[in-house]
N, C-alpha and C. Protein backbone atom coordinates (compact mmCIF):
# COMPACT_ATOMS: atom_id res chain seq x y z
N MET A 1 -196.83 24.48 -65.71
CA MET A 1 -195.60 25.22 -65.51
C MET A 1 -194.48 24.44 -66.21
N SER A 2 -193.60 25.16 -66.86
CA SER A 2 -192.54 24.50 -67.60
C SER A 2 -191.52 23.88 -66.65
N ILE A 3 -190.81 22.91 -67.16
CA ILE A 3 -189.79 22.21 -66.39
C ILE A 3 -188.68 23.18 -65.98
N GLU A 4 -188.33 24.08 -66.88
CA GLU A 4 -187.27 25.06 -66.59
C GLU A 4 -187.64 25.93 -65.38
N ASN A 5 -188.89 26.38 -65.36
CA ASN A 5 -189.34 27.21 -64.23
C ASN A 5 -189.39 26.40 -62.94
N GLN A 6 -189.77 25.17 -63.02
CA GLN A 6 -189.80 24.32 -61.83
C GLN A 6 -188.40 24.14 -61.26
N ILE A 7 -187.44 23.95 -62.14
CA ILE A 7 -186.05 23.79 -61.69
C ILE A 7 -185.55 25.08 -61.05
N LYS A 8 -185.87 26.23 -61.66
CA LYS A 8 -185.47 27.52 -61.09
C LYS A 8 -186.09 27.72 -59.72
N LEU A 9 -187.35 27.37 -59.58
CA LEU A 9 -188.05 27.53 -58.30
C LEU A 9 -187.43 26.67 -57.21
N LYS A 10 -187.16 25.43 -57.55
CA LYS A 10 -186.64 24.50 -56.55
C LYS A 10 -185.19 24.77 -56.19
N SER A 11 -184.48 25.47 -57.04
CA SER A 11 -183.07 25.74 -56.76
C SER A 11 -182.87 26.99 -55.91
N ASN A 12 -183.93 27.76 -55.69
CA ASN A 12 -183.81 29.00 -54.93
C ASN A 12 -184.75 28.96 -53.73
N VAL A 13 -184.21 29.04 -52.55
CA VAL A 13 -185.00 28.96 -51.32
C VAL A 13 -185.94 30.16 -51.20
N ASN A 14 -185.50 31.32 -51.63
CA ASN A 14 -186.34 32.51 -51.55
C ASN A 14 -187.58 32.39 -52.43
N TYR A 15 -187.44 31.76 -53.58
CA TYR A 15 -188.59 31.57 -54.46
C TYR A 15 -189.64 30.69 -53.79
N ILE A 16 -189.18 29.60 -53.20
CA ILE A 16 -190.10 28.67 -52.55
C ILE A 16 -190.80 29.36 -51.38
N LYS A 17 -190.04 30.08 -50.58
CA LYS A 17 -190.61 30.79 -49.44
C LYS A 17 -191.65 31.81 -49.90
N PHE A 18 -191.31 32.57 -50.94
CA PHE A 18 -192.23 33.59 -51.44
C PHE A 18 -193.50 32.94 -51.99
N LEU A 19 -193.38 31.84 -52.69
CA LEU A 19 -194.55 31.16 -53.23
C LEU A 19 -195.47 30.66 -52.11
N ARG A 20 -194.90 30.19 -51.04
CA ARG A 20 -195.72 29.73 -49.92
C ARG A 20 -196.45 30.88 -49.26
N GLU A 21 -195.81 32.04 -49.22
CA GLU A 21 -196.45 33.21 -48.61
C GLU A 21 -197.44 33.89 -49.55
N ASN A 22 -197.22 33.77 -50.84
CA ASN A 22 -198.06 34.43 -51.85
C ASN A 22 -198.49 33.40 -52.89
N SER A 23 -199.40 32.56 -52.51
CA SER A 23 -199.77 31.43 -53.36
C SER A 23 -200.48 31.83 -54.65
N HIS A 24 -200.94 33.06 -54.75
CA HIS A 24 -201.59 33.49 -56.00
C HIS A 24 -200.62 33.46 -57.18
N TRP A 25 -199.33 33.47 -56.90
CA TRP A 25 -198.35 33.42 -57.99
C TRP A 25 -198.34 32.07 -58.70
N TYR A 26 -198.79 31.00 -58.04
CA TYR A 26 -198.87 29.70 -58.72
C TYR A 26 -199.73 29.81 -59.97
N LYS A 27 -200.83 30.52 -59.85
CA LYS A 27 -201.76 30.67 -60.98
C LYS A 27 -201.06 31.33 -62.17
N TYR A 28 -200.34 32.40 -61.90
CA TYR A 28 -199.67 33.12 -62.99
C TYR A 28 -198.53 32.29 -63.59
N LEU A 29 -197.78 31.63 -62.74
CA LEU A 29 -196.65 30.84 -63.25
C LEU A 29 -197.13 29.64 -64.06
N ASN A 30 -198.28 29.10 -63.72
CA ASN A 30 -198.84 27.99 -64.48
C ASN A 30 -199.40 28.44 -65.81
N ARG A 31 -199.86 29.66 -65.88
CA ARG A 31 -200.46 30.17 -67.12
C ARG A 31 -199.45 30.42 -68.22
N SER A 32 -198.35 31.07 -67.87
CA SER A 32 -197.41 31.47 -68.91
C SER A 32 -196.01 31.62 -68.33
N ASN A 33 -195.01 31.35 -69.16
CA ASN A 33 -193.62 31.51 -68.75
C ASN A 33 -193.22 32.98 -68.68
N GLN A 34 -194.00 33.83 -69.30
CA GLN A 34 -193.68 35.26 -69.32
C GLN A 34 -193.78 35.89 -67.93
N TYR A 35 -194.55 35.30 -67.04
CA TYR A 35 -194.73 35.86 -65.71
C TYR A 35 -193.56 35.58 -64.78
N PHE A 36 -192.66 34.70 -65.19
CA PHE A 36 -191.57 34.34 -64.29
C PHE A 36 -190.66 35.53 -64.01
N LYS A 37 -190.42 36.37 -64.98
CA LYS A 37 -189.58 37.56 -64.78
C LYS A 37 -190.24 38.51 -63.77
N ASP A 38 -191.56 38.67 -63.88
CA ASP A 38 -192.29 39.50 -62.91
C ASP A 38 -192.21 38.89 -61.52
N PHE A 39 -192.29 37.58 -61.47
CA PHE A 39 -192.18 36.87 -60.19
C PHE A 39 -190.82 37.11 -59.56
N GLU A 40 -189.76 36.99 -60.36
CA GLU A 40 -188.41 37.23 -59.85
C GLU A 40 -188.24 38.65 -59.32
N ASN A 41 -188.76 39.61 -60.05
CA ASN A 41 -188.67 41.00 -59.61
C ASN A 41 -189.43 41.22 -58.31
N GLU A 42 -190.58 40.60 -58.19
CA GLU A 42 -191.38 40.73 -56.96
C GLU A 42 -190.65 40.13 -55.76
N VAL A 43 -190.00 38.98 -55.97
CA VAL A 43 -189.23 38.34 -54.89
C VAL A 43 -188.07 39.25 -54.47
N LYS A 44 -187.35 39.78 -55.44
CA LYS A 44 -186.21 40.65 -55.14
C LYS A 44 -186.65 41.92 -54.41
N THR A 45 -187.79 42.46 -54.80
CA THR A 45 -188.30 43.66 -54.14
C THR A 45 -188.75 43.35 -52.72
N THR A 46 -189.44 42.26 -52.55
CA THR A 46 -189.98 41.90 -51.23
C THR A 46 -188.87 41.59 -50.24
N TYR A 47 -187.89 40.81 -50.66
CA TYR A 47 -186.81 40.39 -49.76
C TYR A 47 -185.59 41.31 -49.82
N LYS A 48 -185.73 42.41 -50.54
CA LYS A 48 -184.67 43.42 -50.66
C LYS A 48 -183.35 42.81 -51.13
N LEU A 49 -183.40 42.17 -52.28
CA LEU A 49 -182.24 41.51 -52.86
C LEU A 49 -181.68 42.27 -54.06
N ARG A 50 -182.23 43.42 -54.34
CA ARG A 50 -181.74 44.22 -55.46
C ARG A 50 -180.42 44.87 -55.07
N PRO A 51 -179.58 45.20 -56.04
CA PRO A 51 -178.30 45.86 -55.72
C PRO A 51 -178.47 47.17 -54.95
N ALA A 52 -179.48 47.94 -55.29
CA ALA A 52 -179.72 49.20 -54.58
C ALA A 52 -180.04 48.95 -53.11
N ASP A 53 -180.78 47.90 -52.84
CA ASP A 53 -181.11 47.55 -51.45
C ASP A 53 -179.87 47.13 -50.67
N LYS A 54 -179.00 46.39 -51.33
CA LYS A 54 -177.78 45.94 -50.66
C LYS A 54 -176.85 47.11 -50.36
N ILE A 55 -176.77 48.05 -51.29
CA ILE A 55 -175.94 49.24 -51.06
C ILE A 55 -176.51 50.06 -49.91
N SER A 56 -177.81 50.21 -49.90
CA SER A 56 -178.46 50.96 -48.83
C SER A 56 -178.23 50.30 -47.47
N GLN A 57 -178.31 48.99 -47.45
CA GLN A 57 -178.06 48.25 -46.20
C GLN A 57 -176.61 48.42 -45.75
N ALA A 58 -175.68 48.39 -46.68
CA ALA A 58 -174.27 48.58 -46.33
C ALA A 58 -174.03 49.98 -45.78
N ILE A 59 -174.65 50.98 -46.38
CA ILE A 59 -174.51 52.35 -45.90
C ILE A 59 -175.09 52.49 -44.50
N ASP A 60 -176.25 51.87 -44.27
CA ASP A 60 -176.86 51.92 -42.94
C ASP A 60 -175.97 51.26 -41.89
N THR A 61 -175.36 50.14 -42.25
CA THR A 61 -174.46 49.45 -41.34
C THR A 61 -173.24 50.31 -41.03
N PHE A 62 -172.69 50.94 -42.06
CA PHE A 62 -171.54 51.83 -41.88
C PHE A 62 -171.90 53.00 -40.97
N ASP A 63 -173.05 53.59 -41.17
CA ASP A 63 -173.50 54.70 -40.33
C ASP A 63 -173.65 54.27 -38.87
N MET A 64 -174.18 53.07 -38.67
CA MET A 64 -174.36 52.56 -37.32
C MET A 64 -173.00 52.36 -36.63
N ILE A 65 -172.07 51.79 -37.36
CA ILE A 65 -170.73 51.56 -36.81
C ILE A 65 -170.06 52.90 -36.49
N GLN A 66 -170.21 53.85 -37.39
CA GLN A 66 -169.63 55.18 -37.18
C GLN A 66 -170.24 55.84 -35.94
N THR A 67 -171.52 55.70 -35.74
CA THR A 67 -172.19 56.27 -34.57
C THR A 67 -171.69 55.62 -33.29
N VAL A 68 -171.54 54.32 -33.30
CA VAL A 68 -171.05 53.60 -32.12
C VAL A 68 -169.62 54.04 -31.80
N LEU A 69 -168.79 54.14 -32.82
CA LEU A 69 -167.40 54.53 -32.59
C LEU A 69 -167.27 55.96 -32.06
N THR A 70 -168.09 56.87 -32.58
CA THR A 70 -168.04 58.24 -32.10
C THR A 70 -168.57 58.33 -30.67
N THR A 71 -169.52 57.50 -30.34
CA THR A 71 -170.05 57.47 -28.98
C THR A 71 -169.00 56.94 -28.01
N LEU A 72 -168.26 55.94 -28.43
CA LEU A 72 -167.24 55.35 -27.57
C LEU A 72 -166.06 56.30 -27.36
N LYS A 73 -165.75 57.11 -28.34
CA LYS A 73 -164.64 58.07 -28.23
C LYS A 73 -164.93 59.13 -27.17
N GLN A 74 -166.18 59.52 -27.07
CA GLN A 74 -166.54 60.60 -26.15
C GLN A 74 -166.60 60.05 -24.79
């Protein structure tokens, strides 16, 4: 594995956590640097770190707050 990828992995807690849970990624990351982008996408998808996921979470939170407020008004 390249030094650059090792530094990226160690600087991000989510990467380390994901690697421990999905150890098969070590094999791919050791084989080629091209797999690192796929690894990043997989981490973002699994932990819901994509912008679309964050927007969806914000909308869900807003809906929950709105429901609570309407319940309290009645």
